[in-house]
Amino acid sequence: MNAPFAPIRLASRLTADDVLTLLDARILDPEADFELLDGEIITVSPAGPLHQDVQIELEEQLAVLRDRYKVTSSATLRLSEVSLVDPDIVVYPRGLKPLAFPPTEVVLAVEVTVSTRAYDLGRKADAYARAGVQELWVVDPEAQVTHVHREPSPAGWGAISQVPFDAPLSPAIRPDLTLTLTLD
């Protein structure tokens, strides 16, 4: 007779190393849409057409930074021992490898928010600030505004502004670079 099934109970808070181990062992699906935030696995929505259009446009415009920085939409960031996130675009110095450098090296993280607005502007933005990411843009194509977060600290962002899509937008690392978002 077989022993009754006993569920496996995980610790109340997972660590980034726990999640990476579970991914390597294929216990967690590496293709699944989730992030680890403050030890909790958060399911996130897959990107829809509007999200993808804005992300592609931004990545193309930010490509001019590639002389000094890596600009990518495929990097997982370790914000802390209990947080792994996948920004839509991340900009960091060339020569660094994702997961192997402190988040303070990230000069710009971009989140395109369509169905995750409260999460991206709330818990996730707070996690970026606590980690010391230098600048965060939360791009909201439905409201046609970019929420620009600067001056990170453990208490949150020191400066948050809103830039309409038809107004010039510049990253702090290159104030001379002017981007303008449009929806065609």
Protein backbone atom coordinates (compact mmCIF):
# COMPACT_ATOMS: atom_id res chain seq x y z
CA MET A 1 0.00 0.00 0.00
CA ASN A 2 1.34 3.43 -0.93
CA ALA A 3 1.82 6.10 1.70
CA PRO A 4 -0.68 8.97 1.46
CA PHE A 5 0.38 11.99 -0.53
CA ALA A 6 1.98 14.67 1.60
CA PRO A 7 2.27 18.13 0.04
CA ILE A 8 5.65 19.79 0.06
CA ARG A 9 5.56 23.00 2.01
CA LEU A 10 7.89 25.77 0.92
CA ALA A 11 9.25 28.43 3.21
CA SER A 12 6.96 31.42 3.48
CA ARG A 13 9.53 33.54 1.64
CA LEU A 14 11.53 32.21 -1.26
CA THR A 15 14.96 33.57 -2.00
CA ALA A 16 16.33 34.47 -5.41
CA ASP A 17 18.68 31.47 -5.13
CA ASP A 18 15.69 29.20 -4.36
CA VAL A 19 13.92 30.36 -7.52
CA LEU A 20 17.04 30.01 -9.68
CA THR A 21 17.54 26.46 -8.33
CA LEU A 22 13.90 25.60 -9.05
CA LEU A 23 14.26 26.98 -12.58
CA ASP A 24 17.47 25.02 -13.21
CA ALA A 25 15.78 21.84 -11.97
CA ARG A 26 12.79 22.60 -14.24
CA ILE A 27 10.46 22.54 -11.23
CA LEU A 28 9.46 26.06 -12.22
CA ASP A 29 8.82 26.65 -15.92
CA PRO A 30 11.44 29.08 -17.30
CA GLU A 31 8.89 30.19 -19.91
CA ALA A 32 6.28 31.11 -17.28
CA ASP A 33 5.51 34.78 -16.71
CA PHE A 34 6.37 35.46 -13.08
CA GLU A 35 8.68 37.49 -10.88
CA LEU A 36 9.90 37.08 -7.33
CA LEU A 37 9.14 40.17 -5.27
CA ASP A 38 9.96 40.30 -1.57
CA GLY A 39 10.02 36.49 -1.42
CA GLU A 40 6.64 36.05 -3.13
CA ILE A 41 6.12 34.66 -6.62
CA ILE A 42 3.98 37.12 -8.55
CA THR A 43 2.28 35.99 -11.77
CA VAL A 44 2.48 38.70 -14.41
CA SER A 45 0.49 39.04 -17.60
CA PRO A 46 2.18 38.25 -20.90
CA ALA A 47 2.84 41.25 -23.12
CA GLY A 48 0.06 42.11 -25.55
CA PRO A 49 0.39 43.96 -28.88
CA LEU A 50 0.24 47.50 -27.42
CA HIS A 51 2.84 46.61 -24.79
CA GLN A 52 5.12 45.08 -27.42
CA ASP A 53 4.78 48.03 -29.81
CA VAL A 54 5.81 50.54 -27.12
CA GLN A 55 8.63 48.32 -25.86
CA ILE A 56 10.07 47.86 -29.36
CA GLU A 57 9.85 51.61 -30.09
CA LEU A 58 11.62 52.48 -26.84
CA GLU A 59 14.33 49.88 -27.29
CA GLU A 60 15.02 51.21 -30.80
CA GLN A 61 15.29 54.79 -29.52
CA LEU A 62 17.52 53.78 -26.60
CA ALA A 63 19.84 51.88 -28.96
CA VAL A 64 22.01 55.01 -29.28
CA LEU A 65 23.24 54.26 -25.73
CA ARG A 66 24.84 51.00 -26.89
CA ASP A 67 28.23 52.65 -27.32
CA ARG A 68 28.67 52.55 -23.51
CA TYR A 69 25.73 50.52 -22.22
CA LYS A 70 23.97 47.24 -22.74
CA VAL A 71 20.34 47.92 -23.72
CA THR A 72 18.26 44.78 -23.56
CA SER A 73 14.77 43.44 -23.08
CA SER A 74 15.97 40.03 -21.94
CA ALA A 75 17.68 40.45 -18.58
CA THR A 76 16.56 39.27 -15.18
CA LEU A 77 17.69 41.53 -12.34
CA ARG A 78 18.42 40.47 -8.78
CA LEU A 79 17.15 43.43 -6.79
CA SER A 80 17.78 41.71 -3.46
CA GLU A 81 18.12 38.27 -1.91
CA VAL A 82 14.33 37.91 -2.18
CA SER A 83 13.54 39.74 -5.45
CA LEU A 84 14.12 38.82 -9.10
CA VAL A 85 12.41 40.98 -11.72
CA ASP A 86 12.27 41.15 -15.49
CA PRO A 87 12.10 44.76 -16.62
CA ASP A 88 10.80 45.33 -20.13
CA ILE A 89 14.06 47.16 -20.92
CA VAL A 90 17.16 47.49 -18.80
CA VAL A 91 20.25 49.66 -19.41
CA TYR A 92 23.51 48.91 -17.61
CA PRO A 93 27.27 49.25 -18.27
CA ARG A 94 28.77 46.97 -20.91
CA GLY A 95 30.78 44.04 -19.59
CA LEU A 96 28.40 43.20 -16.76
CA LYS A 97 26.34 40.02 -16.73
CA PRO A 98 22.72 39.89 -15.55
CA LEU A 99 22.27 38.44 -12.06
CA ALA A 100 25.99 39.02 -11.41
CA PHE A 101 26.06 42.75 -10.64
CA PRO A 102 24.43 44.93 -8.00
CA PRO A 103 21.21 46.71 -9.03
CA THR A 104 22.91 50.04 -8.33
CA GLU A 105 24.70 49.54 -11.67
CA VAL A 106 21.38 49.74 -13.53
CA VAL A 107 21.21 53.23 -15.02
CA LEU A 108 17.67 52.81 -16.38
CA ALA A 109 14.92 50.23 -16.00
CA VAL A 110 11.76 50.52 -18.08
CA GLU A 111 8.39 48.97 -17.36
CA VAL A 112 5.64 49.23 -19.96
CA THR A 113 2.41 49.03 -18.05
CA VAL A 114 -0.87 48.08 -19.61
CA SER A 115 -2.56 45.56 -17.32
CA THR A 116 -0.11 45.81 -14.37
CA ARG A 117 -0.26 49.56 -13.61
CA ALA A 118 -0.86 49.31 -9.83
CA TYR A 119 1.89 46.70 -9.42
CA ASP A 120 4.43 48.55 -11.60
CA LEU A 121 3.82 51.94 -9.93
CA GLY A 122 3.49 50.45 -6.44
CA ARG A 123 5.32 47.43 -5.05
CA LYS A 124 7.63 46.98 -8.00
CA ALA A 125 8.65 50.66 -8.20
CA ASP A 126 9.32 50.59 -4.45
CA ALA A 127 11.53 47.49 -4.87
CA TYR A 128 13.55 49.23 -7.60
CA ALA A 129 14.07 52.26 -5.32
CA ARG A 130 15.12 50.15 -2.31
CA ALA A 131 17.60 48.31 -4.54
CA GLY A 132 19.17 51.56 -5.76
CA VAL A 133 18.32 51.33 -9.46
CA GLN A 134 19.30 54.78 -10.69
CA GLU A 135 16.23 55.56 -12.79
CA LEU A 136 12.89 53.89 -13.53
CA TRP A 137 10.44 54.72 -16.28
CA VAL A 138 6.93 53.31 -16.03
CA VAL A 139 5.46 53.88 -19.47
CA ASP A 140 1.66 53.92 -19.59
CA PRO A 141 0.51 53.82 -23.23
CA GLU A 142 -3.19 53.97 -22.31
CA ALA A 143 -2.75 57.26 -20.41
CA GLN A 144 0.03 58.27 -22.85
CA VAL A 145 2.36 59.27 -20.02
CA THR A 146 5.72 58.11 -18.68
CA HIS A 147 6.24 58.14 -14.91
CA VAL A 148 9.91 59.05 -14.44
CA HIS A 149 11.39 57.94 -11.09
CA ARG A 150 14.76 59.31 -9.96
CA GLU A 151 16.78 59.68 -6.74
CA PRO A 152 16.27 56.17 -5.31
CA SER A 153 16.56 55.47 -1.59
CA PRO A 154 15.47 52.74 0.82
CA ALA A 155 12.46 54.96 1.63
CA GLY A 156 11.36 55.28 -2.03
CA TRP A 157 11.92 57.66 -4.91
CA GLY A 158 13.02 61.22 -4.18
CA ALA A 159 11.72 62.57 -7.48
CA ILE A 160 8.79 61.36 -9.58
CA SER A 161 7.47 63.25 -12.58
CA GLN A 162 5.08 62.56 -15.42
CA VAL A 163 6.07 63.19 -19.01
CA PRO A 164 3.32 63.14 -21.69
CA PHE A 165 4.04 61.06 -24.78
CA ASP A 166 4.32 64.13 -27.02
CA ALA A 167 6.88 65.81 -24.73
CA PRO A 168 10.64 65.15 -24.87
CA LEU A 169 11.93 62.42 -22.56
CA SER A 170 15.61 62.08 -21.61
CA PRO A 171 17.45 59.56 -19.44
CA ALA A 172 19.48 61.09 -16.61
CA ILE A 173 22.65 59.48 -17.99
CA ARG A 174 22.21 61.32 -21.31
CA PRO A 175 20.16 64.50 -20.82
CA ASP A 176 21.14 65.53 -24.35
CA LEU A 177 19.28 62.49 -25.77
CA THR A 178 15.69 63.35 -26.51
CA LEU A 179 13.11 60.60 -26.99
CA THR A 180 9.49 61.13 -27.96
CA LEU A 181 6.94 58.37 -27.65
CA THR A 182 4.07 58.12 -30.06
CA LEU A 183 1.30 55.65 -30.72
CA ASP A 184 0.80 55.13 -34.44
